Protein backbone atom coordinates (compact mmCIF):
# COMPACT_ATOMS: atom_id res chain seq x y z
CA MET A 1 94.03 -151.61 -12.87
CA SER A 2 91.08 -149.82 -11.87
CA TRP A 3 87.39 -150.59 -10.86
CA THR A 4 84.50 -148.01 -10.99
CA TYR A 5 80.82 -148.16 -11.16
CA SER A 6 78.57 -145.18 -11.52
CA ALA A 7 75.44 -146.92 -10.43
CA ASP A 8 73.90 -145.56 -13.56
CA PRO A 9 74.26 -148.26 -16.47
CA SER A 10 72.91 -145.95 -18.97
CA SER A 11 75.67 -143.65 -18.55
CA SER A 12 78.45 -146.05 -20.15
CA PRO A 13 78.82 -149.23 -21.86
CA LYS A 14 81.23 -150.36 -19.25
CA ASP A 15 78.72 -149.89 -16.29
CA ALA A 16 75.99 -151.50 -18.32
CA VAL A 17 78.20 -154.65 -18.61
CA ARG A 18 79.19 -154.49 -15.04
CA TRP A 19 75.55 -154.40 -13.94
CA LEU A 20 74.49 -157.19 -16.54
CA VAL A 21 77.09 -159.55 -14.91
CA GLY A 22 76.40 -158.51 -11.24
CA ASP A 23 79.74 -156.92 -10.63
CA THR A 24 78.51 -153.58 -8.70
CA ASN A 25 79.96 -154.45 -5.44
CA PRO A 26 83.15 -152.36 -4.84
CA ASP A 27 83.80 -154.64 -1.83
CA ASN A 28 83.58 -157.73 -4.06
CA GLN A 29 85.38 -156.71 -7.37
CA LEU A 30 85.24 -159.37 -10.08
CA VAL A 31 86.55 -157.62 -13.31
CA GLN A 32 88.61 -154.80 -14.02
CA ASP A 33 87.57 -151.68 -16.03
CA GLU A 34 90.35 -152.42 -18.49
CA GLU A 35 89.07 -155.96 -19.14
CA ILE A 36 85.62 -154.70 -19.93
CA SER A 37 87.00 -151.95 -22.20
CA TRP A 38 88.95 -154.58 -24.02
CA THR A 39 86.23 -156.83 -24.39
CA LEU A 40 83.78 -154.16 -25.61
CA THR A 41 86.53 -153.49 -28.43
CA GLN A 42 86.46 -157.11 -29.38
CA TYR A 43 82.68 -157.12 -29.67
CA ASN A 44 82.63 -153.54 -31.43
CA GLY A 45 80.75 -152.28 -28.28
CA GLU A 46 77.91 -154.83 -28.38
CA ILE A 47 76.84 -154.70 -24.45
CA TYR A 48 75.28 -157.96 -24.33
CA ARG A 49 77.87 -160.00 -26.38
CA THR A 50 80.34 -158.31 -23.89
CA ALA A 51 78.56 -159.03 -21.04
CA SER A 52 78.20 -162.78 -22.01
CA ASP A 53 82.00 -163.04 -22.42
CA VAL A 54 82.75 -161.22 -19.17
CA ALA A 55 80.33 -163.56 -17.27
CA SER A 56 82.07 -166.50 -18.73
CA SER A 57 85.31 -165.28 -17.68
CA ILE A 58 83.99 -164.72 -14.13
CA ALA A 59 82.41 -168.41 -14.04
CA ALA A 60 85.75 -169.84 -15.26
CA THR A 61 87.57 -168.18 -12.66
CA PHE A 62 85.54 -169.45 -9.70
CA THR A 63 85.26 -172.88 -11.30
CA GLY A 64 89.26 -173.01 -11.32
CA LEU A 65 89.34 -172.20 -7.53
CA SER A 66 88.71 -175.22 -5.18
CA GLN A 67 89.20 -173.25 -1.87
CA SER A 68 86.10 -173.44 0.24
CA THR A 69 85.17 -171.06 3.05
CA SER A 70 83.40 -172.23 6.35
CA LYS A 71 82.37 -170.13 9.39
CA SER A 72 81.19 -171.43 12.71
CA VAL A 73 79.60 -169.63 15.61
CA GLY A 74 78.50 -171.92 18.35
CA GLY A 75 76.45 -174.96 17.08
CA LEU A 76 76.03 -173.06 13.44
CA SER A 77 78.26 -173.86 10.73
CA LEU A 78 78.20 -172.32 7.18
CA SER A 79 80.30 -173.37 4.28
CA GLN A 80 80.71 -172.24 0.71
CA SER A 81 83.03 -173.23 -2.10
CA TYR A 82 84.21 -171.21 -5.07
CA GLY A 83 82.68 -173.94 -7.34
CA ASP A 84 79.14 -173.01 -5.52
CA ARG A 85 79.49 -169.34 -6.52
CA ALA A 86 80.65 -170.62 -10.33
CA GLN A 87 77.35 -172.52 -10.58
CA ARG A 88 75.36 -169.64 -9.62
């Protein structure tokens, strides 16, 4: 599986979908190239329909995870759950 992004959504439908769903950070990869390519074929290359389906898949992934993260430094404490990410 691979993950690529050219930072030019006009260069490919895959990059346009990746940009629309916010999966542009190589350090926080959400969907593989092959998954986007497959979904594009299901919707005959329609970028916005593909992006909608991919975004739903990403949300479902985070909704199914119950793990939360928390960090503390001195008296400051921050926490976030995957459910929070799914809501956003």
